[in-house]
Amino acid sequence: MLDTDRRIKELFDAKAHLGHKTSRVHPKAKKYIYTIENGVSIIDLTKTLDLLNKTLQFVQQLGKQNKVLLMVATKKIAASQIQALCQKYSIPYVTSKWPAGLLTNFETITKNIKKLTQMKKDREEGAWNKFVKHDRFKLEKELIKLEKAYGGLLKLDKYPDAIFIVDVKKDKNSVNEAHKKNIPVVAIIDTNVDPDLVDYPIPANDDSLSSIEYIVNQIVEAYIKAKKD
């Protein structure tokens, strides 16, 4: 019980309980709302914790079975922190823009990822030195473009076994593609979205960096720890 109280307090301190104004609340999200204060929906953190625990169990199973979790966070306030976290633990990620067809046209995307890998290798090994300055500049420009689009996917050599999404409204294309390929979706669900879009919803504020970081850190920690064990 003490642990439950502590974690609810941590969620509260992270501002996870602050939802959207009542005018923006999705009808299906109402079941996660505890009360309304000054026209703002307040999320029931006991439900958040319950669903977070279920999600952590699922994520731990992924880790134990050495399965691939893809992190999607194109929301500006969280992108750089999540990118750094994913790079630290070698987790594939998308933090700039969802590459259209990443899941539904995986073979084509894989070719682009392989091209990026080869270009980086060629540059590092000095294979570009034989080109004139103008051509090297063009290659550099192409490399930057590919890096921005696919830099977080270099370790993704097969379909992910699940995807985690920070904001399903902003990244609706990733949700749609995951559904088409029957890939489970784990996501933070604010009060302005349909929770039924997600297999493992975590009702929480997706506009606060502290709320996002708290949940993402829990997810990554559970996944990596299970992987190591």
C-alpha atoms as a PDB file:
ATOM      1  CA  MET A   1       0.000   0.000   0.000  1.00  0.00           C
ATOM      2  CA  LEU A   2       2.853   2.375   0.878  1.00  0.00           C
ATOM      3  CA  ASP A   3       4.425   1.737  -2.536  1.00  0.00           C
ATOM      4  CA  THR A   4       1.069   2.507  -4.232  1.00  0.00           C
ATOM      5  CA  ASP A   5       0.736   5.770  -2.297  1.00  0.00           C
ATOM      6  CA  ARG A   6       4.328   6.730  -3.132  1.00  0.00           C
ATOM      7  CA  ARG A   7       3.876   6.083  -6.838  1.00  0.00           C
ATOM      8  CA  ILE A   8       0.563   7.954  -6.992  1.00  0.00           C
ATOM      9  CA  LYS A   9       2.307  10.897  -5.317  1.00  0.00           C
ATOM     10  CA  GLU A  10       5.122  10.664  -7.896  1.00  0.00           C
ATOM     11  CA  LEU A  11       2.558  10.724 -10.722  1.00  0.00           C
ATOM     12  CA  PHE A  12       0.841  13.695  -9.076  1.00  0.00           C
ATOM     13  CA  ASP A  13       4.139  15.569  -8.638  1.00  0.00           C
ATOM     14  CA  ALA A  14       4.886  14.890 -12.318  1.00  0.00           C
ATOM     15  CA  LYS A  15       1.543  16.590 -13.189  1.00  0.00           C
ATOM     16  CA  ALA A  16       0.255  13.375 -14.782  1.00  0.00           C
ATOM     17  CA  HIS A  17      -3.250  14.077 -13.414  1.00  0.00           C
ATOM     18  CA  LEU A  18      -3.882  17.243 -15.441  1.00  0.00           C
ATOM     19  CA  GLY A  19      -6.103  16.460 -18.426  1.00  0.00           C
ATOM     20  CA  HIS A  20      -7.758  18.737 -20.984  1.00  0.00           C
ATOM     21  CA  LYS A  21     -10.574  21.236 -20.717  1.00  0.00           C
ATOM     22  CA  THR A  22     -14.009  19.576 -20.622  1.00  0.00           C
ATOM     23  CA  SER A  23     -14.798  20.896 -24.131  1.00  0.00           C
ATOM     24  CA  ARG A  24     -11.924  18.783 -25.503  1.00  0.00           C
ATOM     25  CA  VAL A  25     -12.573  15.561 -23.579  1.00  0.00           C
ATOM     26  CA  HIS A  26     -13.132  12.442 -25.691  1.00  0.00           C
ATOM     27  CA  PRO A  27     -16.322  10.613 -24.585  1.00  0.00           C
ATOM     28  CA  LYS A  28     -14.449   7.304 -24.184  1.00  0.00           C
ATOM     29  CA  ALA A  29     -11.808   8.944 -21.973  1.00  0.00           C
ATOM     30  CA  LYS A  30     -14.398   9.951 -19.363  1.00  0.00           C
ATOM     31  CA  LYS A  31     -13.946   6.638 -17.513  1.00  0.00           C
ATOM     32  CA  TYR A  32     -10.437   7.789 -16.515  1.00  0.00           C
ATOM     33  CA  ILE A  33     -11.535  11.170 -15.155  1.00  0.00           C
ATOM     34  CA  TYR A  34     -11.736  11.556 -11.382  1.00  0.00           C
ATOM     35  CA  THR A  35     -13.259  15.034 -11.268  1.00  0.00           C
ATOM     36  CA  ILE A  36     -13.450  18.413 -13.032  1.00  0.00           C
ATOM     37  CA  GLU A  37     -11.702  21.443 -11.521  1.00  0.00           C
ATOM     38  CA  ASN A  38     -12.157  24.914 -13.034  1.00  0.00           C
ATOM     39  CA  GLY A  39     -13.285  23.344 -16.292  1.00  0.00           C
ATOM     40  CA  VAL A  40     -10.219  21.080 -16.480  1.00  0.00           C
ATOM     41  CA  SER A  41     -10.466  17.282 -16.325  1.00  0.00           C
ATOM     42  CA  ILE A  42      -8.475  15.643 -13.529  1.00  0.00           C
ATOM     43  CA  ILE A  43      -7.282  12.111 -14.304  1.00  0.00           C
ATOM     44  CA  ASP A  44      -7.854   9.378 -11.721  1.00  0.00           C
ATOM     45  CA  LEU A  45      -4.268   8.409 -10.844  1.00  0.00           C
ATOM     46  CA  THR A  46      -5.329   5.123  -9.206  1.00  0.00           C
ATOM     47  CA  LYS A  47      -6.509   4.035 -12.671  1.00  0.00           C
ATOM     48  CA  THR A  48      -3.323   5.414 -14.227  1.00  0.00           C
ATOM     49  CA  LEU A  49      -1.176   3.385 -11.850  1.00  0.00           C
ATOM     50  CA  ASP A  50      -3.228   0.229 -12.386  1.00  0.00           C
ATOM     51  CA  LEU A  51      -2.876   0.470 -16.172  1.00  0.00           C
ATOM     52  CA  LEU A  52       0.786   1.503 -15.921  1.00  0.00           C
ATOM     53  CA  ASN A  53       1.478  -1.659 -13.890  1.00  0.00           C
ATOM     54  CA  LYS A  54      -0.255  -3.819 -16.524  1.00  0.00           C
ATOM     55  CA  THR A  55       1.780  -2.107 -19.227  1.00  0.00           C
ATOM     56  CA  LEU A  56       5.024  -2.630 -17.312  1.00  0.00           C
ATOM     57  CA  GLN A  57       4.269  -6.365 -17.077  1.00  0.00           C
ATOM     58  CA  PHE A  58       3.768  -6.478 -20.853  1.00  0.00           C
ATOM     59  CA  VAL A  59       6.978  -4.511 -21.471  1.00  0.00           C
ATOM     60  CA  GLN A  60       8.925  -6.790 -19.099  1.00  0.00           C
ATOM     61  CA  GLN A  61       7.749  -9.792 -21.136  1.00  0.00           C
ATOM     62  CA  LEU A  62       9.047  -8.090 -24.290  1.00  0.00           C
ATOM     63  CA  GLY A  63      12.404  -7.547 -22.609  1.00  0.00           C
ATOM     64  CA  LYS A  64      12.658 -11.106 -21.266  1.00  0.00           C
ATOM     65  CA  GLN A  65      11.954 -12.522 -24.728  1.00  0.00           C
ATOM     66  CA  ASN A  66      14.441 -10.089 -26.295  1.00  0.00           C
ATOM     67  CA  LYS A  67      11.692  -8.570 -28.418  1.00  0.00           C
ATOM     68  CA  VAL A  68      11.901  -5.179 -30.122  1.00  0.00           C
ATOM     69  CA  LEU A  69      10.173  -2.112 -28.704  1.00  0.00           C
ATOM     70  CA  LEU A  70      10.005   0.938 -30.964  1.00  0.00           C
ATOM     71  CA  MET A  71       9.666   4.330 -29.238  1.00  0.00           C
ATOM     72  CA  VAL A  72       7.741   7.090 -31.035  1.00  0.00           C
ATOM     73  CA  ALA A  73       7.977  10.641 -29.658  1.00  0.00           C
ATOM     74  CA  THR A  74       7.777  13.369 -32.275  1.00  0.00           C
ATOM     75  CA  LYS A  75       6.379  15.850 -29.733  1.00  0.00           C
ATOM     76  CA  LYS A  76       8.936  18.660 -29.500  1.00  0.00           C
ATOM     77  CA  ILE A  77       8.941  18.994 -25.711  1.00  0.00           C
ATOM     78  CA  ALA A  78       9.967  15.343 -25.258  1.00  0.00           C
ATOM     79  CA  ALA A  79      11.816  14.414 -28.461  1.00  0.00           C
ATOM     80  CA  SER A  80      15.410  15.226 -27.442  1.00  0.00           C
ATOM     81  CA  GLN A  81      15.165  13.599 -23.978  1.00  0.00           C
ATOM     82  CA  ILE A  82      13.624  10.423 -25.377  1.00  0.00           C
ATOM     83  CA  GLN A  83      16.159  10.311 -28.198  1.00  0.00           C
ATOM     84  CA  ALA A  84      19.016  10.494 -25.666  1.00  0.00           C
ATOM     85  CA  LEU A  85      17.425   7.755 -23.546  1.00  0.00           C
ATOM     86  CA  CYS A  86      16.921   5.462 -26.549  1.00  0.00           C
ATOM     87  CA  GLN A  87      20.480   6.049 -27.760  1.00  0.00           C
ATOM     88  CA  LYS A  88      21.809   5.201 -24.295  1.00  0.00           C
ATOM     89  CA  TYR A  89      20.017   1.818 -24.291  1.00  0.00           C
ATOM     90  CA  SER A  90      20.106   1.052 -28.038  1.00  0.00           C
ATOM     91  CA  ILE A  91      16.317   1.187 -28.432  1.00  0.00           C
ATOM     92  CA  PRO A  92      15.032   2.088 -31.924  1.00  0.00           C
ATOM     93  CA  TYR A  93      13.160   5.384 -32.009  1.00  0.00           C
ATOM     94  CA  VAL A  94      11.363   7.976 -34.133  1.00  0.00           C
ATOM     95  CA  THR A  95      11.640  11.518 -32.765  1.00  0.00           C
ATOM     96  CA  SER A  96      11.453  13.787 -35.825  1.00  0.00           C
ATOM     97  CA  LYS A  97       8.722  12.683 -38.235  1.00  0.00           C
ATOM     98  CA  TRP A  98       7.070   9.292 -38.666  1.00  0.00           C
ATOM     99  CA  PRO A  99       8.463   7.868 -41.943  1.00  0.00           C
ATOM    100  CA  ALA A 100       5.342   7.025 -43.957  1.00  0.00           C
ATOM    101  CA  GLY A 101       5.204   3.275 -44.532  1.00  0.00           C
ATOM    102  CA  LEU A 102       7.652   2.373 -41.762  1.00  0.00           C
ATOM    103  CA  LEU A 103       5.435  -0.570 -40.784  1.00  0.00           C
ATOM    104  CA  THR A 104       3.270  -1.003 -43.891  1.00  0.00           C
ATOM    105  CA  ASN A 105       6.093  -0.665 -46.435  1.00  0.00           C
ATOM    106  CA  PHE A 106       8.928  -1.992 -44.290  1.00  0.00           C
ATOM    107  CA  GLU A 107      11.054  -3.368 -47.156  1.00  0.00           C
ATOM    108  CA  THR A 108      11.406   0.052 -48.809  1.00  0.00           C
ATOM    109  CA  ILE A 109      12.188   1.740 -45.491  1.00  0.00           C
ATOM    110  CA  THR A 110      14.784  -0.954 -44.748  1.00  0.00           C
ATOM    111  CA  LYS A 111      16.557  -0.111 -48.037  1.00  0.00           C
ATOM    112  CA  ASN A 112      16.820   3.529 -46.911  1.00  0.00           C
ATOM    113  CA  ILE A 113      18.154   2.450 -43.498  1.00  0.00           C
ATOM    114  CA  LYS A 114      20.782   0.238 -45.218  1.00  0.00           C
ATOM    115  CA  LYS A 115      21.720   3.130 -47.504  1.00  0.00           C
ATOM    116  CA  LEU A 116      22.231   5.387 -44.471  1.00  0.00           C
ATOM    117  CA  THR A 117      24.397   2.725 -42.771  1.00  0.00           C
ATOM    118  CA  GLN A 118      26.528   2.337 -45.902  1.00  0.00           C
ATOM    119  CA  MET A 119      26.939   6.082 -46.399  1.00  0.00           C
ATOM    120  CA  LYS A 120      28.063   6.552 -42.790  1.00  0.00           C
ATOM    121  CA  LYS A 121      30.554   3.696 -43.224  1.00  0.00           C
ATOM    122  CA  ASP A 122      31.899   5.125 -46.497  1.00  0.00           C
ATOM    123  CA  ARG A 123      32.386   8.566 -44.968  1.00  0.00           C
ATOM    124  CA  GLU A 124      34.129   7.177 -41.879  1.00  0.00           C
ATOM    125  CA  GLU A 125      36.441   4.972 -43.943  1.00  0.00           C
ATOM    126  CA  GLY A 126      37.431   7.841 -46.234  1.00  0.00           C
ATOM    127  CA  ALA A 127      35.684   6.518 -49.369  1.00  0.00           C
ATOM    128  CA  TRP A 128      34.348  10.034 -50.036  1.00  0.00           C
ATOM    129  CA  ASN A 129      37.853  11.518 -50.319  1.00  0.00           C
ATOM    130  CA  LYS A 130      38.086  10.552 -54.001  1.00  0.00           C
ATOM    131  CA  PHE A 131      35.187  12.915 -54.834  1.00  0.00           C
ATOM    132  CA  VAL A 132      35.513  16.620 -55.593  1.00  0.00           C
ATOM    133  CA  LYS A 133      34.363  19.085 -52.930  1.00  0.00           C
ATOM    134  CA  HIS A 134      31.025  19.772 -54.654  1.00  0.00           C
ATOM    135  CA  ASP A 135      30.108  16.054 -54.795  1.00  0.00           C
ATOM    136  CA  ARG A 136      31.166  15.535 -51.170  1.00  0.00           C
ATOM    137  CA  PHE A 137      28.866  18.398 -50.189  1.00  0.00           C
ATOM    138  CA  LYS A 138      25.955  16.718 -52.043  1.00  0.00           C
ATOM    139  CA  LEU A 139      26.665  13.413 -50.267  1.00  0.00           C
ATOM    140  CA  GLU A 140      26.824  15.189 -46.915  1.00  0.00           C
ATOM    141  CA  LYS A 141      23.470  16.839 -47.608  1.00  0.00           C
ATOM    142  CA  GLU A 142      21.892  13.488 -48.492  1.00  0.00           C
ATOM    143  CA  LEU A 143      23.397  11.871 -45.399  1.00  0.00           C
ATOM    144  CA  ILE A 144      21.939  14.587 -43.124  1.00  0.00           C
ATOM    145  CA  LYS A 145      18.498  14.071 -44.714  1.00  0.00           C
ATOM    146  CA  LEU A 146      18.653  10.294 -44.258  1.00  0.00           C
ATOM    147  CA  GLU A 147      20.000  10.660 -40.706  1.00  0.00           C
ATOM    148  CA  LYS A 148      17.079  12.893 -39.757  1.00  0.00           C
ATOM    149  CA  ALA A 149      14.524  10.466 -41.186  1.00  0.00           C
ATOM    150  CA  TYR A 150      16.073   7.116 -40.221  1.00  0.00           C
ATOM    151  CA  GLY A 151      18.871   7.783 -37.712  1.00  0.00           C
ATOM    152  CA  GLY A 152      16.924   6.228 -34.851  1.00  0.00           C
ATOM    153  CA  LEU A 153      16.118   3.084 -36.834  1.00  0.00           C
ATOM    154  CA  LEU A 154      19.615   1.766 -37.579  1.00  0.00           C
ATOM    155  CA  LYS A 155      19.095  -1.142 -35.186  1.00  0.00           C
ATOM    156  CA  LEU A 156      15.624  -1.968 -36.546  1.00  0.00           C
ATOM    157  CA  ASP A 157      16.317  -4.948 -38.815  1.00  0.00           C
ATOM    158  CA  LYS A 158      12.864  -6.507 -38.409  1.00  0.00           C
ATOM    159  CA  TYR A 159       9.327  -5.456 -37.556  1.00  0.00           C
ATOM    160  CA  PRO A 160       9.027  -4.147 -33.993  1.00  0.00           C
ATOM    161  CA  ASP A 161       7.104  -6.422 -31.627  1.00  0.00           C
ATOM    162  CA  ALA A 162       5.397  -3.412 -30.013  1.00  0.00           C
ATOM    163  CA  ILE A 163       5.454   0.356 -30.295  1.00  0.00           C
ATOM    164  CA  PHE A 164       5.291   2.965 -27.557  1.00  0.00           C
ATOM    165  CA  ILE A 165       3.755   6.322 -28.516  1.00  0.00           C
ATOM    166  CA  VAL A 166       3.859   9.510 -26.463  1.00  0.00           C
ATOM    167  CA  ASP A 167       1.023  11.305 -28.271  1.00  0.00           C
ATOM    168  CA  VAL A 168      -1.398   9.195 -30.329  1.00  0.00           C
ATOM    169  CA  LYS A 169      -3.156  12.281 -31.702  1.00  0.00           C
ATOM    170  CA  LYS A 170       0.062  13.754 -33.114  1.00  0.00           C
ATOM    171  CA  ASP A 171       1.368  10.375 -34.269  1.00  0.00           C
ATOM    172  CA  LYS A 172      -1.897   8.897 -35.541  1.00  0.00           C
ATOM    173  CA  ASN A 173      -0.133   7.522 -38.650  1.00  0.00           C
ATOM    174  CA  SER A 174       2.034   5.276 -36.473  1.00  0.00           C
ATOM    175  CA  VAL A 175      -1.110   4.006 -34.696  1.00  0.00           C
ATOM    176  CA  ASN A 176      -2.844   3.272 -38.016  1.00  0.00           C
ATOM    177  CA  GLU A 177       0.168   1.411 -39.422  1.00  0.00           C
ATOM    178  CA  ALA A 178       0.593  -0.615 -36.223  1.00  0.00           C
ATOM    179  CA  HIS A 179      -3.075  -1.661 -36.409  1.00  0.00           C
ATOM    180  CA  LYS A 180      -2.670  -2.774 -40.031  1.00  0.00           C
ATOM    181  CA  LYS A 181       0.282  -4.992 -39.058  1.00  0.00           C
ATOM    182  CA  ASN A 182      -1.293  -6.206 -35.770  1.00  0.00           C
ATOM    183  CA  ILE A 183       1.545  -4.716 -33.729  1.00  0.00           C
ATOM    184  CA  PRO A 184       0.525  -3.949 -30.111  1.00  0.00           C
ATOM    185  CA  VAL A 185       0.425  -0.250 -29.224  1.00  0.00           C
ATOM    186  CA  VAL A 186       1.462   1.079 -25.817  1.00  0.00           C
ATOM    187  CA  ALA A 187       0.718   4.788 -25.309  1.00  0.00           C
ATOM    188  CA  ILE A 188       0.094   7.678 -22.978  1.00  0.00           C
ATOM    189  CA  ILE A 189      -3.588   8.511 -23.306  1.00  0.00           C
ATOM    190  CA  ASP A 190      -4.621  12.065 -22.467  1.00  0.00           C
ATOM    191  CA  THR A 191      -8.308  12.935 -22.001  1.00  0.00           C
ATOM    192  CA  ASN A 192      -8.654  14.277 -25.562  1.00  0.00           C
ATOM    193  CA  VAL A 193      -8.098  10.922 -27.316  1.00  0.00           C
ATOM    194  CA  ASP A 194      -9.898   7.622 -27.774  1.00  0.00           C
ATOM    195  CA  PRO A 195      -8.259   5.069 -25.422  1.00  0.00           C
ATOM    196  CA  ASP A 196      -9.678   2.209 -27.534  1.00  0.00           C
ATOM    197  CA  LEU A 197      -7.053   2.970 -30.203  1.00  0.00           C
ATOM    198  CA  VAL A 198      -4.414   1.530 -27.893  1.00  0.00           C
ATOM    199  CA  ASP A 199      -3.764  -1.996 -26.570  1.00  0.00           C
ATOM    200  CA  TYR A 200      -2.006  -0.777 -23.435  1.00  0.00           C
ATOM    201  CA  PRO A 201      -3.267   2.719 -22.550  1.00  0.00           C
ATOM    202  CA  ILE A 202      -1.726   4.787 -19.758  1.00  0.00           C
ATOM    203  CA  PRO A 203      -4.115   7.652 -18.881  1.00  0.00           C
ATOM    204  CA  ALA A 204      -1.924  10.686 -18.171  1.00  0.00           C
ATOM    205  CA  ASN A 205      -1.022  14.203 -19.218  1.00  0.00           C
ATOM    206  CA  ASP A 206       0.847  14.077 -22.550  1.00  0.00           C
ATOM    207  CA  ASP A 207       1.593  17.820 -22.619  1.00  0.00           C
ATOM    208  CA  SER A 208       3.807  17.983 -19.540  1.00  0.00           C
ATOM    209  CA  LEU A 209       7.455  16.997 -19.916  1.00  0.00           C
ATOM    210  CA  SER A 210       7.595  15.776 -16.295  1.00  0.00           C
ATOM    211  CA  SER A 211       4.575  13.497 -16.876  1.00  0.00           C
ATOM    212  CA  ILE A 212       5.991  12.125 -20.143  1.00  0.00           C
ATOM    213  CA  GLU A 213       9.455  11.586 -18.648  1.00  0.00           C
ATOM    214  CA  TYR A 214       8.110   9.801 -15.574  1.00  0.00           C
ATOM    215  CA  ILE A 215       6.145   7.291 -17.667  1.00  0.00           C
ATOM    216  CA  VAL A 216       8.801   6.842 -20.360  1.00  0.00           C
ATOM    217  CA  ASN A 217      11.510   6.232 -17.729  1.00  0.00           C
ATOM    218  CA  GLN A 218       9.350   3.545 -16.077  1.00  0.00           C
ATOM    219  CA  ILE A 219       8.723   1.841 -19.429  1.00  0.00           C
ATOM    220  CA  VAL A 220      12.377   1.912 -20.537  1.00  0.00           C
ATOM    221  CA  GLU A 221      13.660   0.825 -17.117  1.00  0.00           C
ATOM    222  CA  ALA A 222      11.290  -2.175 -16.990  1.00  0.00           C
ATOM    223  CA  TYR A 223      12.173  -3.190 -20.549  1.00  0.00           C
ATOM    224  CA  ILE A 224      15.952  -2.879 -20.175  1.00  0.00           C
ATOM    225  CA  LYS A 225      16.065  -4.532 -16.741  1.00  0.00           C
ATOM    226  CA  ALA A 226      14.066  -7.525 -18.012  1.00  0.00           C
ATOM    227  CA  LYS A 227      16.336  -7.733 -21.050  1.00  0.00           C
ATOM    228  CA  LYS A 228      19.480  -7.834 -18.892  1.00  0.00           C
ATOM    229  CA  ASP A 229      18.003 -10.406 -16.483  1.00  0.00           C
END
